[in-house]
Amino acid sequence: MDLARQEAVTWRNRALLLFDRVAMPVAVCDVYGAVLLANPAMAAECGTTPGRLRGRDVLELFSPREATQVERIAQALRLRHRSRYQVSVRWRAPGGVERYGELTADPVSDTVEDTPALLVMLRVDAERAPSPAAPDSGAPVTPMEARILALLAAGATTARAARETALTTDGVTYHLRRLSSRWGASNRTELVARAYALGVLTPGVWPPGVRGDEA
């Protein structure tokens, strides 16, 4: 590998590491809106992992509140305009919460002649709680969060939890920070205790398991 290519690979790896650590939900999409790459924060808004978002249509994940906005952006992209585009969206987050926000798309490419990709960022403005009829365990968690909690309860380190869930260590840490903020937990021991208290994990079972998974 020549020096220039080696440096390019090094900078790409650094960029991906930074991409994973950004707290704001971010994704890279092709010009048609298909997700090419997503960070853990974006995946968490959809209750899944970054790898499972690949190929999904970003405007199916986050529904535009005004169809005319999308039509104007599509026309501009066909004409290779390189402005910043904004779309007001709504979506249902894990736990049934309906959220509102704004997607911002910036066309990016190596040269002006290349077909651009879209750097998409999500800003969360507000949320609407689920109806009272919706099931509620006290603090809804995603399947990924529940899996991470079960691994922690069994004594797993962050690195092992990352291997078991196919996330990066930063991805695991991101989920734990969200749970800590949601439940007011100051450490992982409190997180696990709260998971048992809320019925997320099944008491009296070893190895720890998620309630509802037992046969």
C-alpha atoms as a PDB file:
ATOM      1  CA  MET A   1       0.000   0.000   0.000  1.00  0.00           C
ATOM      2  CA  ASP A   2       1.534   3.362  -0.994  1.00  0.00           C
ATOM      3  CA  LEU A   3       1.851   6.184   1.520  1.00  0.00           C
ATOM      4  CA  ALA A   4      -1.028   8.265   0.139  1.00  0.00           C
ATOM      5  CA  ARG A   5      -3.452   5.333   0.302  1.00  0.00           C
ATOM      6  CA  GLN A   6      -2.270   4.411   3.788  1.00  0.00           C
ATOM      7  CA  GLU A   7      -2.865   7.971   4.990  1.00  0.00           C
ATOM      8  CA  ALA A   8      -6.326   7.973   3.396  1.00  0.00           C
ATOM      9  CA  VAL A   9      -7.218   4.758   5.251  1.00  0.00           C
ATOM     10  CA  THR A  10      -5.914   6.214   8.516  1.00  0.00           C
ATOM     11  CA  TRP A  11      -8.000   9.366   8.177  1.00  0.00           C
ATOM     12  CA  ARG A  12     -11.058   7.347   7.163  1.00  0.00           C
ATOM     13  CA  ASN A  13     -10.755   5.223  10.313  1.00  0.00           C
ATOM     14  CA  ARG A  14     -10.393   8.347  12.441  1.00  0.00           C
ATOM     15  CA  ALA A  15     -13.457   9.880  10.813  1.00  0.00           C
ATOM     16  CA  LEU A  16     -15.511   6.732  11.465  1.00  0.00           C
ATOM     17  CA  LEU A  17     -14.422   6.722  15.110  1.00  0.00           C
ATOM     18  CA  LEU A  18     -15.530  10.341  15.475  1.00  0.00           C
ATOM     19  CA  PHE A  19     -18.752   9.552  13.599  1.00  0.00           C
ATOM     20  CA  ASP A  20     -19.633   6.869  16.173  1.00  0.00           C
ATOM     21  CA  ARG A  21     -18.946   9.200  19.100  1.00  0.00           C
ATOM     22  CA  VAL A  22     -21.110  12.109  17.930  1.00  0.00           C
ATOM     23  CA  ALA A  23     -24.075  12.468  20.290  1.00  0.00           C
ATOM     24  CA  MET A  24     -26.353  13.907  17.578  1.00  0.00           C
ATOM     25  CA  PRO A  25     -28.115  11.349  15.354  1.00  0.00           C
ATOM     26  CA  VAL A  26     -26.220  11.359  12.047  1.00  0.00           C
ATOM     27  CA  ALA A  27     -26.334   9.232   8.882  1.00  0.00           C
ATOM     28  CA  VAL A  28     -24.827   9.232   5.410  1.00  0.00           C
ATOM     29  CA  CYS A  29     -27.342   8.487   2.634  1.00  0.00           C
ATOM     30  CA  ASP A  30     -27.141   8.158  -1.115  1.00  0.00           C
ATOM     31  CA  VAL A  31     -28.844  10.738  -3.297  1.00  0.00           C
ATOM     32  CA  TYR A  32     -32.091   8.715  -3.168  1.00  0.00           C
ATOM     33  CA  GLY A  33     -32.173   8.707   0.646  1.00  0.00           C
ATOM     34  CA  ALA A  34     -31.004   5.116   1.283  1.00  0.00           C
ATOM     35  CA  VAL A  35     -28.878   4.885   4.434  1.00  0.00           C
ATOM     36  CA  LEU A  36     -25.238   3.986   3.752  1.00  0.00           C
ATOM     37  CA  LEU A  37     -23.903   4.577   7.253  1.00  0.00           C
ATOM     38  CA  ALA A  38     -25.493   5.535  10.577  1.00  0.00           C
ATOM     39  CA  ASN A  39     -24.081   6.284  14.005  1.00  0.00           C
ATOM     40  CA  PRO A  40     -25.376   4.702  17.265  1.00  0.00           C
ATOM     41  CA  ALA A  41     -27.365   7.841  18.123  1.00  0.00           C
ATOM     42  CA  MET A  42     -29.340   7.612  14.856  1.00  0.00           C
ATOM     43  CA  ALA A  43     -29.892   3.871  15.306  1.00  0.00           C
ATOM     44  CA  ALA A  44     -31.128   4.412  18.873  1.00  0.00           C
ATOM     45  CA  GLU A  45     -33.880   6.722  17.618  1.00  0.00           C
ATOM     46  CA  CYS A  46     -35.110   3.797  15.523  1.00  0.00           C
ATOM     47  CA  GLY A  47     -34.640   1.164  18.237  1.00  0.00           C
ATOM     48  CA  THR A  48     -32.070  -0.838  16.301  1.00  0.00           C
ATOM     49  CA  THR A  49     -28.357  -1.089  15.490  1.00  0.00           C
ATOM     50  CA  PRO A  50     -26.441   0.956  12.902  1.00  0.00           C
ATOM     51  CA  GLY A  51     -25.897  -2.062  10.648  1.00  0.00           C
ATOM     52  CA  ARG A  52     -29.620  -2.772  10.426  1.00  0.00           C
ATOM     53  CA  LEU A  53     -30.337   0.732   9.170  1.00  0.00           C
ATOM     54  CA  ARG A  54     -28.162   0.210   6.097  1.00  0.00           C
ATOM     55  CA  GLY A  55     -30.288   0.312   2.939  1.00  0.00           C
ATOM     56  CA  ARG A  56     -33.369   1.715   4.698  1.00  0.00           C
ATOM     57  CA  ASP A  57     -35.052   4.812   3.280  1.00  0.00           C
ATOM     58  CA  VAL A  58     -34.454   7.677   5.704  1.00  0.00           C
ATOM     59  CA  LEU A  59     -37.832   9.217   4.809  1.00  0.00           C
ATOM     60  CA  GLU A  60     -39.588   5.974   5.753  1.00  0.00           C
ATOM     61  CA  LEU A  61     -37.831   5.988   9.128  1.00  0.00           C
ATOM     62  CA  PHE A  62     -38.685   9.666   9.672  1.00  0.00           C
ATOM     63  CA  SER A  63     -41.946  10.720   8.029  1.00  0.00           C
ATOM     64  CA  PRO A  64     -41.977  14.192   6.404  1.00  0.00           C
ATOM     65  CA  ARG A  65     -44.672  16.455   7.808  1.00  0.00           C
ATOM     66  CA  GLU A  66     -44.964  18.301   4.474  1.00  0.00           C
ATOM     67  CA  ALA A  67     -44.683  16.344   1.211  1.00  0.00           C
ATOM     68  CA  THR A  68     -43.926  19.508  -0.756  1.00  0.00           C
ATOM     69  CA  GLN A  69     -40.626  19.893   1.112  1.00  0.00           C
ATOM     70  CA  VAL A  70     -39.411  16.545  -0.211  1.00  0.00           C
ATOM     71  CA  GLU A  71     -40.511  17.310  -3.767  1.00  0.00           C
ATOM     72  CA  ARG A  72     -38.535  20.581  -3.765  1.00  0.00           C
ATOM     73  CA  ILE A  73     -35.413  18.836  -2.439  1.00  0.00           C
ATOM     74  CA  ALA A  74     -35.665  16.027  -5.000  1.00  0.00           C
ATOM     75  CA  GLN A  75     -35.912  18.550  -7.814  1.00  0.00           C
ATOM     76  CA  ALA A  76     -32.924  20.508  -6.482  1.00  0.00           C
ATOM     77  CA  LEU A  77     -30.796  17.359  -6.226  1.00  0.00           C
ATOM     78  CA  ARG A  78     -31.664  16.372  -9.803  1.00  0.00           C
ATOM     79  CA  LEU A  79     -30.339  19.773 -10.851  1.00  0.00           C
ATOM     80  CA  ARG A  80     -27.183  19.148  -8.730  1.00  0.00           C
ATOM     81  CA  HIS A  81     -27.843  22.089  -6.461  1.00  0.00           C
ATOM     82  CA  ARG A  82     -25.656  21.915  -3.348  1.00  0.00           C
ATOM     83  CA  SER A  83     -27.630  23.829  -0.785  1.00  0.00           C
ATOM     84  CA  ARG A  84     -28.496  22.657   2.718  1.00  0.00           C
ATOM     85  CA  TYR A  85     -31.967  21.082   2.814  1.00  0.00           C
ATOM     86  CA  GLN A  86     -34.260  20.799   5.820  1.00  0.00           C
ATOM     87  CA  VAL A  87     -37.308  18.595   6.297  1.00  0.00           C
ATOM     88  CA  SER A  88     -39.690  18.671   9.263  1.00  0.00           C
ATOM     89  CA  VAL A  89     -40.318  15.076  10.347  1.00  0.00           C
ATOM     90  CA  ARG A  90     -42.027  12.931  12.924  1.00  0.00           C
ATOM     91  CA  TRP A  91     -41.353   9.359  13.997  1.00  0.00           C
ATOM     92  CA  ARG A  92     -42.192   6.853  16.692  1.00  0.00           C
ATOM     93  CA  ALA A  93     -39.286   6.258  19.022  1.00  0.00           C
ATOM     94  CA  PRO A  94     -38.768   3.087  21.115  1.00  0.00           C
ATOM     95  CA  GLY A  95     -41.424   2.829  23.808  1.00  0.00           C
ATOM     96  CA  GLY A  96     -44.149   4.293  21.602  1.00  0.00           C
ATOM     97  CA  VAL A  97     -43.199   7.941  22.056  1.00  0.00           C
ATOM     98  CA  GLU A  98     -44.040  10.117  19.044  1.00  0.00           C
ATOM     99  CA  ARG A  99     -41.264  12.601  18.390  1.00  0.00           C
ATOM    100  CA  TYR A 100     -40.953  15.644  16.183  1.00  0.00           C
ATOM    101  CA  GLY A 101     -37.847  17.230  14.758  1.00  0.00           C
ATOM    102  CA  GLU A 102     -35.968  18.276  11.682  1.00  0.00           C
ATOM    103  CA  LEU A 103     -33.711  16.420   9.272  1.00  0.00           C
ATOM    104  CA  THR A 104     -30.915  18.502   7.762  1.00  0.00           C
ATOM    105  CA  ALA A 105     -29.261  17.130   4.605  1.00  0.00           C
ATOM    106  CA  ASP A 106     -25.989  18.476   3.212  1.00  0.00           C
ATOM    107  CA  PRO A 107     -24.806  17.157  -0.200  1.00  0.00           C
ATOM    108  CA  VAL A 108     -21.146  16.054   0.005  1.00  0.00           C
ATOM    109  CA  SER A 109     -18.756  14.694  -2.636  1.00  0.00           C
ATOM    110  CA  ASP A 110     -15.085  14.817  -3.606  1.00  0.00           C
ATOM    111  CA  THR A 111     -15.733  16.981  -6.669  1.00  0.00           C
ATOM    112  CA  VAL A 112     -18.638  18.996  -8.023  1.00  0.00           C
ATOM    113  CA  GLU A 113     -18.961  16.539 -10.915  1.00  0.00           C
ATOM    114  CA  ASP A 114     -19.504  13.523  -8.647  1.00  0.00           C
ATOM    115  CA  THR A 115     -22.979  12.429  -7.645  1.00  0.00           C
ATOM    116  CA  PRO A 116     -23.228  13.643  -4.035  1.00  0.00           C
ATOM    117  CA  ALA A 117     -24.010  11.653  -0.948  1.00  0.00           C
ATOM    118  CA  LEU A 118     -26.154  13.252   1.749  1.00  0.00           C
ATOM    119  CA  LEU A 119     -24.891  13.936   5.263  1.00  0.00           C
ATOM    120  CA  VAL A 120     -28.110  13.777   7.280  1.00  0.00           C
ATOM    121  CA  MET A 121     -28.454  15.105  10.841  1.00  0.00           C
ATOM    122  CA  LEU A 122     -31.525  14.808  13.056  1.00  0.00           C
ATOM    123  CA  ARG A 123     -32.572  17.463  15.543  1.00  0.00           C
ATOM    124  CA  VAL A 124     -35.202  16.388  18.069  1.00  0.00           C
ATOM    125  CA  ASP A 125     -37.621  19.205  18.890  1.00  0.00           C
ATOM    126  CA  ALA A 126     -40.363  17.627  20.979  1.00  0.00           C
ATOM    127  CA  GLU A 127     -42.094  14.399  21.812  1.00  0.00           C
ATOM    128  CA  ARG A 128     -45.605  13.219  22.602  1.00  0.00           C
ATOM    129  CA  ALA A 129     -46.086  10.496  25.168  1.00  0.00           C
ATOM    130  CA  PRO A 130     -47.894   7.293  24.115  1.00  0.00           C
ATOM    131  CA  SER A 131     -51.570   6.931  24.887  1.00  0.00           C
ATOM    132  CA  PRO A 132     -52.482   5.626  28.367  1.00  0.00           C
ATOM    133  CA  ALA A 133     -53.605   2.346  26.799  1.00  0.00           C
ATOM    134  CA  ALA A 134     -50.079   1.635  25.579  1.00  0.00           C
ATOM    135  CA  PRO A 135     -48.162  -0.920  27.686  1.00  0.00           C
ATOM    136  CA  ASP A 136     -45.624   0.697  30.007  1.00  0.00           C
ATOM    137  CA  SER A 137     -42.991  -0.970  32.168  1.00  0.00           C
ATOM    138  CA  GLY A 138     -42.225   2.318  33.936  1.00  0.00           C
ATOM    139  CA  ALA A 139     -39.256   3.096  31.685  1.00  0.00           C
ATOM    140  CA  PRO A 140     -39.514   1.566  28.196  1.00  0.00           C
ATOM    141  CA  VAL A 141     -36.289   0.158  26.839  1.00  0.00           C
ATOM    142  CA  THR A 142     -35.357  -1.082  23.384  1.00  0.00           C
ATOM    143  CA  PRO A 143     -34.453  -4.751  22.806  1.00  0.00           C
ATOM    144  CA  MET A 144     -30.834  -3.660  22.377  1.00  0.00           C
ATOM    145  CA  GLU A 145     -30.839  -1.783  25.681  1.00  0.00           C
ATOM    146  CA  ALA A 146     -32.399  -4.781  27.437  1.00  0.00           C
ATOM    147  CA  ARG A 147     -29.752  -7.091  25.975  1.00  0.00           C
ATOM    148  CA  ILE A 148     -26.967  -4.783  27.187  1.00  0.00           C
ATOM    149  CA  LEU A 149     -28.518  -4.650  30.675  1.00  0.00           C
ATOM    150  CA  ALA A 150     -28.683  -8.455  30.824  1.00  0.00           C
ATOM    151  CA  LEU A 151     -25.015  -8.691  29.852  1.00  0.00           C
ATOM    152  CA  LEU A 152     -24.048  -6.142  32.517  1.00  0.00           C
ATOM    153  CA  ALA A 153     -26.047  -8.053  35.117  1.00  0.00           C
ATOM    154  CA  ALA A 154     -23.996 -11.133  34.201  1.00  0.00           C
ATOM    155  CA  GLY A 155     -20.778  -9.187  34.792  1.00  0.00           C
ATOM    156  CA  ALA A 156     -19.850  -8.361  31.198  1.00  0.00           C
ATOM    157  CA  THR A 157     -17.434  -5.555  30.479  1.00  0.00           C
ATOM    158  CA  THR A 158     -18.188  -2.866  27.903  1.00  0.00           C
ATOM    159  CA  ALA A 159     -15.883  -4.635  25.440  1.00  0.00           C
ATOM    160  CA  ARG A 160     -17.645  -7.966  25.875  1.00  0.00           C
ATOM    161  CA  ALA A 161     -21.093  -6.351  25.616  1.00  0.00           C
ATOM    162  CA  ALA A 162     -19.952  -4.756  22.366  1.00  0.00           C
ATOM    163  CA  ARG A 163     -18.849  -8.132  20.965  1.00  0.00           C
ATOM    164  CA  GLU A 164     -22.065  -9.861  22.021  1.00  0.00           C
ATOM    165  CA  THR A 165     -24.308  -7.177  20.492  1.00  0.00           C
ATOM    166  CA  ALA A 166     -22.211  -6.386  17.385  1.00  0.00           C
ATOM    167  CA  LEU A 167     -21.886  -2.755  18.509  1.00  0.00           C
ATOM    168  CA  THR A 168     -18.774  -0.692  19.053  1.00  0.00           C
ATOM    169  CA  THR A 169     -17.758   0.044  22.637  1.00  0.00           C
ATOM    170  CA  ASP A 170     -18.859   3.634  22.002  1.00  0.00           C
ATOM    171  CA  GLY A 171     -22.247   2.331  20.884  1.00  0.00           C
ATOM    172  CA  VAL A 172     -22.680   0.368  24.129  1.00  0.00           C
ATOM    173  CA  THR A 173     -21.605   3.401  26.168  1.00  0.00           C
ATOM    174  CA  TYR A 174     -24.097   5.568  24.282  1.00  0.00           C
ATOM    175  CA  HIS A 175     -26.992   3.251  25.222  1.00  0.00           C
ATOM    176  CA  LEU A 176     -25.853   3.144  28.857  1.00  0.00           C
ATOM    177  CA  ARG A 177     -25.699   6.926  29.039  1.00  0.00           C
ATOM    178  CA  ARG A 178     -29.240   7.190  27.658  1.00  0.00           C
ATOM    179  CA  LEU A 179     -30.494   4.718  30.267  1.00  0.00           C
ATOM    180  CA  SER A 180     -28.597   6.466  33.076  1.00  0.00           C
ATOM    181  CA  SER A 181     -30.111   9.804  32.089  1.00  0.00           C
ATOM    182  CA  ARG A 182     -33.618   8.342  31.738  1.00  0.00           C
ATOM    183  CA  TRP A 183     -33.558   6.503  35.066  1.00  0.00           C
ATOM    184  CA  GLY A 184     -31.366   8.890  37.065  1.00  0.00           C
ATOM    185  CA  ALA A 185     -28.796   6.160  37.726  1.00  0.00           C
ATOM    186  CA  SER A 186     -25.299   7.228  38.735  1.00  0.00           C
ATOM    187  CA  ASN A 187     -23.513   3.953  37.927  1.00  0.00           C
ATOM    188  CA  ARG A 188     -23.974   0.572  36.291  1.00  0.00           C
ATOM    189  CA  THR A 189     -24.925  -1.176  39.525  1.00  0.00           C
ATOM    190  CA  GLU A 190     -27.863   1.200  39.880  1.00  0.00           C
ATOM    191  CA  LEU A 191     -28.798   0.618  36.240  1.00  0.00           C
ATOM    192  CA  VAL A 192     -28.989  -3.148  36.749  1.00  0.00           C
ATOM    193  CA  ALA A 193     -30.925  -2.748  40.014  1.00  0.00           C
ATOM    194  CA  ARG A 194     -33.406  -0.432  38.321  1.00  0.00           C
ATOM    195  CA  ALA A 195     -33.799  -2.901  35.427  1.00  0.00           C
ATOM    196  CA  TYR A 196     -34.840  -5.630  37.885  1.00  0.00           C
ATOM    197  CA  ALA A 197     -37.114  -3.255  39.815  1.00  0.00           C
ATOM    198  CA  LEU A 198     -38.902  -2.185  36.635  1.00  0.00           C
ATOM    199  CA  GLY A 199     -39.299  -5.748  35.383  1.00  0.00           C
ATOM    200  CA  VAL A 200     -36.971  -5.356  32.408  1.00  0.00           C
ATOM    201  CA  LEU A 201     -34.818  -8.245  33.686  1.00  0.00           C
ATOM    202  CA  THR A 202     -36.278 -11.452  35.104  1.00  0.00           C
ATOM    203  CA  PRO A 203     -35.541 -11.909  38.824  1.00  0.00           C
ATOM    204  CA  GLY A 204     -34.382 -15.286  40.144  1.00  0.00           C
ATOM    205  CA  VAL A 205     -32.890 -16.385  36.818  1.00  0.00           C
ATOM    206  CA  TRP A 206     -29.234 -17.092  35.991  1.00  0.00           C
ATOM    207  CA  PRO A 207     -27.743 -16.153  33.647  1.00  0.00           C
ATOM    208  CA  PRO A 208     -29.712 -12.897  33.686  1.00  0.00           C
ATOM    209  CA  GLY A 209     -32.422 -12.726  31.064  1.00  0.00           C
ATOM    210  CA  VAL A 210     -34.902 -10.245  29.663  1.00  0.00           C
ATOM    211  CA  ARG A 211     -38.473 -10.614  30.921  1.00  0.00           C
ATOM    212  CA  GLY A 212     -40.619 -12.193  28.232  1.00  0.00           C
ATOM    213  CA  ASP A 213     -37.763 -14.159  26.676  1.00  0.00           C
ATOM    214  CA  GLU A 214     -37.999 -17.113  29.007  1.00  0.00           C
ATOM    215  CA  ALA A 215     -39.754 -20.170  27.631  1.00  0.00           C
END
